[in-house]
Amino acid sequence: MYNPFTLENKIILVTGASSGIGRATAIECSKMGATLIISGRNKERLSETFAQLDNTKSNVSIDGDLTNDDFIEKMTVVIPNVDGVVFCAGVPDRTLMKFATKEKFLRVLDINLLSQVSLIRALLKKKKVNNGASLVFVASTAVHKISYGLSLYSATKSGLISIMKGLAYELFLQKVRSNAILPSMVKTELMGADISVSSEDWVKDEAKYPLGYGNPADVAYTAVYLLSDATKWMTGSEIIIDGGLSLV
């Protein structure tokens, strides 16, 4: 059956696959026929993701911290060449500027931006990215529409957009595409971990979205689209998925 969005015969690396958007992306890519390499810091949760992948494929699970250059070095040595990478690893932050210490900013910067740069650099130096591959960066609508306390987070995601566009230009001769997904609020485990926002505030905020908050799968479907050959003429682009928030 004809399907321009199939991922059959593709090997896809998904970082941050132990939960949330990363987990949903890995699962949906598997359903679309891809062989998965998944990475995450939490070994137990990563194993839960791995168990939901198509076990007829030669999937690989590698737990470790992408802010550790030694881990990146070891991982990029052992994995096969990839046809796509989805950069989902990240951490939220809601710090007012007057409390934004250098240490706090460097932590968010290290996880959300520098680790992604280290990973793609290692993959490219070891020639692990196949010609015609697709790089997908999960950024945020916060790069365009800032909200209370998101300055540090927004800065790191803005940097990610710049890296994405730089790669799109550097790699076009190899037909390697580089694009970004910019989600707004998505219902993940991280929402419950944000003690600075009450459950009542979450309800009030969601009411601002014409289509409500998104789910991890909503972002995952967009990642599948960008990984597929249906987007072979698309690079350097930002796809905003925000439930209509930008309309209001």
C-alpha atoms as a PDB file:
ATOM      1  CA  MET A   1       0.000   0.000   0.000  1.00  0.00           C
ATOM      2  CA  TYR A   2       1.314   3.423  -0.984  1.00  0.00           C
ATOM      3  CA  ASN A   3       2.360   5.489   2.040  1.00  0.00           C
ATOM      4  CA  PRO A   4       4.637   8.541   1.603  1.00  0.00           C
ATOM      5  CA  PHE A   5       5.059   8.762   5.379  1.00  0.00           C
ATOM      6  CA  THR A   6       6.458   5.277   5.927  1.00  0.00           C
ATOM      7  CA  LEU A   7       9.698   4.850   7.863  1.00  0.00           C
ATOM      8  CA  GLU A   8      10.372   1.303   6.671  1.00  0.00           C
ATOM      9  CA  ASN A   9      14.075   0.520   6.249  1.00  0.00           C
ATOM     10  CA  LYS A  10      15.063   3.623   8.215  1.00  0.00           C
ATOM     11  CA  ILE A  11      17.125   3.651  11.411  1.00  0.00           C
ATOM     12  CA  ILE A  12      16.046   6.474  13.707  1.00  0.00           C
ATOM     13  CA  LEU A  13      17.788   7.758  16.833  1.00  0.00           C
ATOM     14  CA  VAL A  14      15.523   9.387  19.424  1.00  0.00           C
ATOM     15  CA  THR A  15      17.008  11.116  22.468  1.00  0.00           C
ATOM     16  CA  GLY A  16      15.015  11.804  25.618  1.00  0.00           C
ATOM     17  CA  ALA A  17      13.000   8.666  24.853  1.00  0.00           C
ATOM     18  CA  SER A  18      12.367   7.671  28.460  1.00  0.00           C
ATOM     19  CA  SER A  19       9.218   9.811  28.744  1.00  0.00           C
ATOM     20  CA  GLY A  20       6.955  12.442  27.215  1.00  0.00           C
ATOM     21  CA  ILE A  21       7.501  13.568  23.644  1.00  0.00           C
ATOM     22  CA  GLY A  22      10.607  11.426  23.220  1.00  0.00           C
ATOM     23  CA  ARG A  23       8.798   8.253  24.248  1.00  0.00           C
ATOM     24  CA  ALA A  24       5.790   8.992  22.043  1.00  0.00           C
ATOM     25  CA  THR A  25       8.066   9.750  19.097  1.00  0.00           C
ATOM     26  CA  ALA A  26       9.967   6.486  19.464  1.00  0.00           C
ATOM     27  CA  ILE A  27       6.747   4.478  19.664  1.00  0.00           C
ATOM     28  CA  GLU A  28       5.135   6.161  16.655  1.00  0.00           C
ATOM     29  CA  CYS A  29       8.304   5.814  14.572  1.00  0.00           C
ATOM     30  CA  SER A  30       8.320   2.118  15.420  1.00  0.00           C
ATOM     31  CA  LYS A  31       4.690   1.783  14.338  1.00  0.00           C
ATOM     32  CA  MET A  32       5.647   3.377  11.022  1.00  0.00           C
ATOM     33  CA  GLY A  33       8.274   0.698  10.397  1.00  0.00           C
ATOM     34  CA  ALA A  34      11.514   2.245  11.636  1.00  0.00           C
ATOM     35  CA  THR A  35      14.258   0.508  13.563  1.00  0.00           C
ATOM     36  CA  LEU A  36      14.869   2.545  16.718  1.00  0.00           C
ATOM     37  CA  ILE A  37      17.891   3.581  18.711  1.00  0.00           C
ATOM     38  CA  ILE A  38      16.593   5.176  21.890  1.00  0.00           C
ATOM     39  CA  SER A  39      18.499   7.094  24.530  1.00  0.00           C
ATOM     40  CA  GLY A  40      17.577   8.514  27.923  1.00  0.00           C
ATOM     41  CA  ARG A  41      18.914   9.101  31.407  1.00  0.00           C
ATOM     42  CA  ASN A  42      16.406   6.946  33.302  1.00  0.00           C
ATOM     43  CA  LYS A  43      17.177   3.282  32.622  1.00  0.00           C
ATOM     44  CA  GLU A  44      13.902   1.948  34.067  1.00  0.00           C
ATOM     45  CA  ARG A  45      11.671   4.320  32.102  1.00  0.00           C
ATOM     46  CA  LEU A  46      13.740   3.814  28.969  1.00  0.00           C
ATOM     47  CA  SER A  47      13.138   0.077  29.300  1.00  0.00           C
ATOM     48  CA  GLU A  48       9.398   0.771  29.441  1.00  0.00           C
ATOM     49  CA  THR A  49       9.655   2.638  26.144  1.00  0.00           C
ATOM     50  CA  PHE A  50      11.732  -0.135  24.609  1.00  0.00           C
ATOM     51  CA  ALA A  51       9.088  -2.709  25.534  1.00  0.00           C
ATOM     52  CA  GLN A  52       6.536  -0.811  23.421  1.00  0.00           C
ATOM     53  CA  LEU A  53       8.621  -0.933  20.235  1.00  0.00           C
ATOM     54  CA  ASP A  54       8.186  -3.463  17.433  1.00  0.00           C
ATOM     55  CA  ASN A  55      10.217  -6.424  18.676  1.00  0.00           C
ATOM     56  CA  THR A  56      10.701  -7.781  15.158  1.00  0.00           C
ATOM     57  CA  LYS A  57      13.198  -4.964  14.548  1.00  0.00           C
ATOM     58  CA  SER A  58      16.786  -4.782  15.798  1.00  0.00           C
ATOM     59  CA  ASN A  59      16.082  -1.913  18.171  1.00  0.00           C
ATOM     60  CA  VAL A  60      18.738  -0.609  20.549  1.00  0.00           C
ATOM     61  CA  SER A  61      18.344   1.030  23.960  1.00  0.00           C
ATOM     62  CA  ILE A  62      21.225   3.024  25.456  1.00  0.00           C
ATOM     63  CA  ASP A  63      20.804   4.730  28.817  1.00  0.00           C
ATOM     64  CA  GLY A  64      23.087   7.601  29.720  1.00  0.00           C
ATOM     65  CA  ASP A  65      23.495  11.341  30.141  1.00  0.00           C
ATOM     66  CA  LEU A  66      24.007  13.370  26.976  1.00  0.00           C
ATOM     67  CA  THR A  67      25.706  16.131  28.969  1.00  0.00           C
ATOM     68  CA  ASN A  68      28.536  13.633  29.485  1.00  0.00           C
ATOM     69  CA  ASP A  69      30.900  13.746  26.511  1.00  0.00           C
ATOM     70  CA  ASP A  70      32.303  10.304  27.359  1.00  0.00           C
ATOM     71  CA  PHE A  71      28.814   8.811  27.066  1.00  0.00           C
ATOM     72  CA  ILE A  72      28.253  10.504  23.710  1.00  0.00           C
ATOM     73  CA  GLU A  73      31.603   9.213  22.478  1.00  0.00           C
ATOM     74  CA  LYS A  74      30.810   5.631  23.479  1.00  0.00           C
ATOM     75  CA  MET A  75      27.269   5.729  22.110  1.00  0.00           C
ATOM     76  CA  THR A  76      28.217   7.138  18.725  1.00  0.00           C
ATOM     77  CA  VAL A  77      30.899   4.481  18.324  1.00  0.00           C
ATOM     78  CA  VAL A  78      28.580   1.502  18.850  1.00  0.00           C
ATOM     79  CA  ILE A  79      25.404   2.591  17.047  1.00  0.00           C
ATOM     80  CA  PRO A  80      24.883   1.976  13.316  1.00  0.00           C
ATOM     81  CA  ASN A  81      24.506   4.753  10.772  1.00  0.00           C
ATOM     82  CA  VAL A  82      21.210   6.581  11.108  1.00  0.00           C
ATOM     83  CA  ASP A  83      18.634   7.901   8.652  1.00  0.00           C
ATOM     84  CA  GLY A  84      17.128  10.290  11.157  1.00  0.00           C
ATOM     85  CA  VAL A  85      17.670  11.835  14.582  1.00  0.00           C
ATOM     86  CA  VAL A  86      15.028  13.369  16.820  1.00  0.00           C
ATOM     87  CA  PHE A  87      16.518  15.591  19.511  1.00  0.00           C
ATOM     88  CA  CYS A  88      13.966  15.405  22.331  1.00  0.00           C
ATOM     89  CA  ALA A  89      16.233  15.539  25.375  1.00  0.00           C
ATOM     90  CA  GLY A  90      15.557  18.642  27.436  1.00  0.00           C
ATOM     91  CA  VAL A  91      14.565  20.138  30.748  1.00  0.00           C
ATOM     92  CA  PRO A  92      11.958  22.817  31.555  1.00  0.00           C
ATOM     93  CA  ASP A  93      12.760  25.903  33.582  1.00  0.00           C
ATOM     94  CA  ARG A  94      10.659  28.699  35.029  1.00  0.00           C
ATOM     95  CA  THR A  95      13.042  31.139  36.694  1.00  0.00           C
ATOM     96  CA  LEU A  96      12.499  34.868  37.052  1.00  0.00           C
ATOM     97  CA  MET A  97      15.464  36.837  35.789  1.00  0.00           C
ATOM     98  CA  LYS A  98      16.283  38.242  39.222  1.00  0.00           C
ATOM     99  CA  PHE A  99      16.832  34.666  40.420  1.00  0.00           C
ATOM    100  CA  ALA A 100      18.634  33.491  37.281  1.00  0.00           C
ATOM    101  CA  THR A 101      22.056  32.597  38.599  1.00  0.00           C
ATOM    102  CA  LYS A 102      24.880  31.685  36.260  1.00  0.00           C
ATOM    103  CA  GLU A 103      24.831  28.117  37.603  1.00  0.00           C
ATOM    104  CA  LYS A 104      21.118  27.721  36.912  1.00  0.00           C
ATOM    105  CA  PHE A 105      21.434  29.079  33.391  1.00  0.00           C
ATOM    106  CA  LEU A 106      24.402  26.852  32.588  1.00  0.00           C
ATOM    107  CA  ARG A 107      22.445  23.788  33.739  1.00  0.00           C
ATOM    108  CA  VAL A 108      19.538  24.542  31.400  1.00  0.00           C
ATOM    109  CA  LEU A 109      21.924  25.513  28.605  1.00  0.00           C
ATOM    110  CA  ASP A 110      23.939  22.314  28.995  1.00  0.00           C
ATOM    111  CA  ILE A 111      20.920  20.005  28.787  1.00  0.00           C
ATOM    112  CA  ASN A 112      18.792  21.851  26.217  1.00  0.00           C
ATOM    113  CA  LEU A 113      21.466  23.046  23.805  1.00  0.00           C
ATOM    114  CA  LEU A 114      25.079  22.060  24.400  1.00  0.00           C
ATOM    115  CA  SER A 115      24.320  18.339  24.725  1.00  0.00           C
ATOM    116  CA  GLN A 116      22.454  18.421  21.383  1.00  0.00           C
ATOM    117  CA  VAL A 117      25.414  20.166  19.749  1.00  0.00           C
ATOM    118  CA  SER A 118      27.845  17.627  21.202  1.00  0.00           C
ATOM    119  CA  LEU A 119      25.739  14.735  19.926  1.00  0.00           C
ATOM    120  CA  ILE A 120      25.311  15.950  16.359  1.00  0.00           C
ATOM    121  CA  ARG A 121      28.994  16.927  16.194  1.00  0.00           C
ATOM    122  CA  ALA A 122      30.020  13.416  17.236  1.00  0.00           C
ATOM    123  CA  LEU A 123      27.606  11.794  14.776  1.00  0.00           C
ATOM    124  CA  LEU A 124      28.899  13.915  11.904  1.00  0.00           C
ATOM    125  CA  LYS A 125      32.582  13.449  12.751  1.00  0.00           C
ATOM    126  CA  LYS A 126      32.097   9.667  12.831  1.00  0.00           C
ATOM    127  CA  LYS A 127      30.091   9.810   9.589  1.00  0.00           C
ATOM    128  CA  LYS A 128      27.103   8.170  11.277  1.00  0.00           C
ATOM    129  CA  VAL A 129      24.492  10.304   9.475  1.00  0.00           C
ATOM    130  CA  ASN A 130      23.500   8.831   6.128  1.00  0.00           C
ATOM    131  CA  ASN A 131      23.051  10.969   3.036  1.00  0.00           C
ATOM    132  CA  GLY A 132      19.395  11.974   2.750  1.00  0.00           C
ATOM    133  CA  ALA A 133      18.871  11.747   6.512  1.00  0.00           C
ATOM    134  CA  SER A 134      16.538  13.987   8.503  1.00  0.00           C
ATOM    135  CA  LEU A 135      17.430  15.885  11.687  1.00  0.00           C
ATOM    136  CA  VAL A 136      14.475  16.935  13.829  1.00  0.00           C
ATOM    137  CA  PHE A 137      14.918  19.328  16.751  1.00  0.00           C
ATOM    138  CA  VAL A 138      12.166  19.734  19.334  1.00  0.00           C
ATOM    139  CA  ALA A 139      12.247  23.397  20.307  1.00  0.00           C
ATOM    140  CA  SER A 140       9.336  25.458  21.665  1.00  0.00           C
ATOM    141  CA  THR A 141       6.944  28.257  20.754  1.00  0.00           C
ATOM    142  CA  ALA A 142       8.643  30.075  23.639  1.00  0.00           C
ATOM    143  CA  VAL A 143      11.293  31.198  21.138  1.00  0.00           C
ATOM    144  CA  HIS A 144       8.673  33.484  19.583  1.00  0.00           C
ATOM    145  CA  LYS A 145       6.145  34.043  22.379  1.00  0.00           C
ATOM    146  CA  ILE A 146       7.777  34.453  25.751  1.00  0.00           C
ATOM    147  CA  SER A 147       5.832  33.971  28.952  1.00  0.00           C
ATOM    148  CA  TYR A 148       6.404  34.556  32.650  1.00  0.00           C
ATOM    149  CA  GLY A 149       9.665  33.080  33.925  1.00  0.00           C
ATOM    150  CA  LEU A 150      10.696  31.385  30.672  1.00  0.00           C
ATOM    151  CA  SER A 151      13.622  33.606  29.724  1.00  0.00           C
ATOM    152  CA  LEU A 152      16.365  31.042  30.360  1.00  0.00           C
ATOM    153  CA  TYR A 153      14.408  28.213  28.761  1.00  0.00           C
ATOM    154  CA  SER A 154      13.544  30.362  25.753  1.00  0.00           C
ATOM    155  CA  ALA A 155      17.169  31.377  25.291  1.00  0.00           C
ATOM    156  CA  THR A 156      18.307  27.757  25.054  1.00  0.00           C
ATOM    157  CA  LYS A 157      15.536  26.828  22.616  1.00  0.00           C
ATOM    158  CA  SER A 158      16.306  29.896  20.493  1.00  0.00           C
ATOM    159  CA  GLY A 159      19.884  28.681  20.300  1.00  0.00           C
ATOM    160  CA  LEU A 160      18.613  25.290  19.163  1.00  0.00           C
ATOM    161  CA  ILE A 161      16.760  26.933  16.271  1.00  0.00           C
ATOM    162  CA  SER A 162      19.976  28.643  15.178  1.00  0.00           C
ATOM    163  CA  ILE A 163      21.862  25.332  15.287  1.00  0.00           C
ATOM    164  CA  MET A 164      19.083  23.690  13.252  1.00  0.00           C
ATOM    165  CA  LYS A 165      19.293  26.336  10.536  1.00  0.00           C
ATOM    166  CA  GLY A 166      23.088  26.237  10.475  1.00  0.00           C
ATOM    167  CA  LEU A 167      23.021  22.479   9.949  1.00  0.00           C
ATOM    168  CA  ALA A 168      20.425  22.824   7.201  1.00  0.00           C
ATOM    169  CA  TYR A 169      22.854  25.037   5.310  1.00  0.00           C
ATOM    170  CA  GLU A 170      25.989  23.030   6.073  1.00  0.00           C
ATOM    171  CA  LEU A 171      24.555  19.643   5.112  1.00  0.00           C
ATOM    172  CA  PHE A 172      22.438  20.340   2.030  1.00  0.00           C
ATOM    173  CA  LEU A 173      25.041  18.864  -0.325  1.00  0.00           C
ATOM    174  CA  GLN A 174      24.500  15.523   1.422  1.00  0.00           C
ATOM    175  CA  LYS A 175      20.725  16.015   1.096  1.00  0.00           C
ATOM    176  CA  VAL A 176      20.515  15.964   4.897  1.00  0.00           C
ATOM    177  CA  ARG A 177      17.491  17.956   6.055  1.00  0.00           C
ATOM    178  CA  SER A 178      17.345  19.838   9.338  1.00  0.00           C
ATOM    179  CA  ASN A 179      14.033  21.128  10.713  1.00  0.00           C
ATOM    180  CA  ALA A 180      12.434  22.016  14.039  1.00  0.00           C
ATOM    181  CA  ILE A 181       9.125  21.413  15.754  1.00  0.00           C
ATOM    182  CA  LEU A 182       7.917  24.203  18.028  1.00  0.00           C
ATOM    183  CA  PRO A 183       5.222  22.870  20.352  1.00  0.00           C
ATOM    184  CA  SER A 184       3.369  24.953  22.865  1.00  0.00           C
ATOM    185  CA  MET A 185       2.060  23.338  26.081  1.00  0.00           C
ATOM    186  CA  VAL A 186       2.014  19.545  25.928  1.00  0.00           C
ATOM    187  CA  LYS A 187       0.670  17.302  28.670  1.00  0.00           C
ATOM    188  CA  THR A 188       3.729  15.417  29.929  1.00  0.00           C
ATOM    189  CA  GLU A 189       5.078  14.227  33.257  1.00  0.00           C
ATOM    190  CA  LEU A 190       7.013  17.506  33.518  1.00  0.00           C
ATOM    191  CA  MET A 191       3.810  19.471  34.089  1.00  0.00           C
ATOM    192  CA  GLY A 192       3.231  17.757  37.409  1.00  0.00           C
ATOM    193  CA  ALA A 193       6.838  18.366  38.386  1.00  0.00           C
ATOM    194  CA  ASP A 194       6.465  22.133  38.017  1.00  0.00           C
ATOM    195  CA  ILE A 195       5.525  23.088  41.574  1.00  0.00           C
ATOM    196  CA  SER A 196       5.507  26.794  40.646  1.00  0.00           C
ATOM    197  CA  VAL A 197       2.152  26.323  38.882  1.00  0.00           C
ATOM    198  CA  SER A 198      -0.994  25.106  40.681  1.00  0.00           C
ATOM    199  CA  SER A 199      -3.508  22.721  39.122  1.00  0.00           C
ATOM    200  CA  GLU A 200      -6.034  25.577  39.006  1.00  0.00           C
ATOM    201  CA  ASP A 201      -3.561  27.722  37.067  1.00  0.00           C
ATOM    202  CA  TRP A 202      -3.018  24.898  34.568  1.00  0.00           C
ATOM    203  CA  VAL A 203      -6.783  24.724  33.968  1.00  0.00           C
ATOM    204  CA  LYS A 204      -7.016  28.487  33.442  1.00  0.00           C
ATOM    205  CA  ASP A 205      -4.056  28.460  31.082  1.00  0.00           C
ATOM    206  CA  GLU A 206      -5.395  25.580  28.967  1.00  0.00           C
ATOM    207  CA  ALA A 207      -8.640  27.504  28.479  1.00  0.00           C
ATOM    208  CA  LYS A 208      -6.648  30.033  26.419  1.00  0.00           C
ATOM    209  CA  TYR A 209      -5.924  27.388  23.773  1.00  0.00           C
ATOM    210  CA  PRO A 210      -8.690  26.983  21.149  1.00  0.00           C
ATOM    211  CA  LEU A 211      -7.865  23.263  20.900  1.00  0.00           C
ATOM    212  CA  GLY A 212      -6.598  22.824  24.461  1.00  0.00           C
ATOM    213  CA  TYR A 213      -3.197  21.480  25.443  1.00  0.00           C
ATOM    214  CA  GLY A 214      -1.513  18.961  23.187  1.00  0.00           C
ATOM    215  CA  ASN A 215      -0.472  15.386  23.897  1.00  0.00           C
ATOM    216  CA  PRO A 216       2.990  13.901  23.240  1.00  0.00           C
ATOM    217  CA  ALA A 217       1.639  11.936  20.261  1.00  0.00           C
ATOM    218  CA  ASP A 218       0.607  15.199  18.576  1.00  0.00           C
ATOM    219  CA  VAL A 219       4.265  16.182  18.431  1.00  0.00           C
ATOM    220  CA  ALA A 220       5.363  12.656  17.546  1.00  0.00           C
ATOM    221  CA  TYR A 221       3.182  12.622  14.424  1.00  0.00           C
ATOM    222  CA  THR A 222       4.903  15.781  13.220  1.00  0.00           C
ATOM    223  CA  ALA A 223       8.299  14.172  13.851  1.00  0.00           C
ATOM    224  CA  VAL A 224       7.253  11.164  11.743  1.00  0.00           C
ATOM    225  CA  TYR A 225       6.288  13.548   8.942  1.00  0.00           C
ATOM    226  CA  LEU A 226       9.682  15.270   9.048  1.00  0.00           C
ATOM    227  CA  LEU A 227      11.563  11.961   9.178  1.00  0.00           C
ATOM    228  CA  SER A 228       9.707  10.544   6.196  1.00  0.00           C
ATOM    229  CA  ASP A 229      10.584  11.057   2.543  1.00  0.00           C
ATOM    230  CA  ALA A 230       7.443  13.204   2.261  1.00  0.00           C
ATOM    231  CA  THR A 231       9.600  16.123   3.441  1.00  0.00           C
ATOM    232  CA  LYS A 232      12.639  15.508   1.229  1.00  0.00           C
ATOM    233  CA  TRP A 233      12.250  19.068  -0.136  1.00  0.00           C
ATOM    234  CA  MET A 234      11.993  20.698   3.281  1.00  0.00           C
ATOM    235  CA  THR A 235      14.900  21.991   5.338  1.00  0.00           C
ATOM    236  CA  GLY A 236      15.599  24.897   7.688  1.00  0.00           C
ATOM    237  CA  SER A 237      11.917  25.118   8.598  1.00  0.00           C
ATOM    238  CA  GLU A 238      10.070  25.658  11.873  1.00  0.00           C
ATOM    239  CA  ILE A 239       6.715  23.946  12.367  1.00  0.00           C
ATOM    240  CA  ILE A 240       4.566  25.542  15.070  1.00  0.00           C
ATOM    241  CA  ILE A 241       1.990  23.281  16.708  1.00  0.00           C
ATOM    242  CA  ASP A 242       0.218  25.148  19.476  1.00  0.00           C
ATOM    243  CA  GLY A 243      -3.463  24.208  19.526  1.00  0.00           C
ATOM    244  CA  GLY A 244      -4.336  27.575  17.994  1.00  0.00           C
ATOM    245  CA  LEU A 245      -2.735  29.664  20.748  1.00  0.00           C
ATOM    246  CA  SER A 246      -1.050  31.939  18.207  1.00  0.00           C
ATOM    247  CA  LEU A 247      -4.514  32.913  16.941  1.00  0.00           C
ATOM    248  CA  VAL A 248      -5.524  34.584  20.193  1.00  0.00           C
END
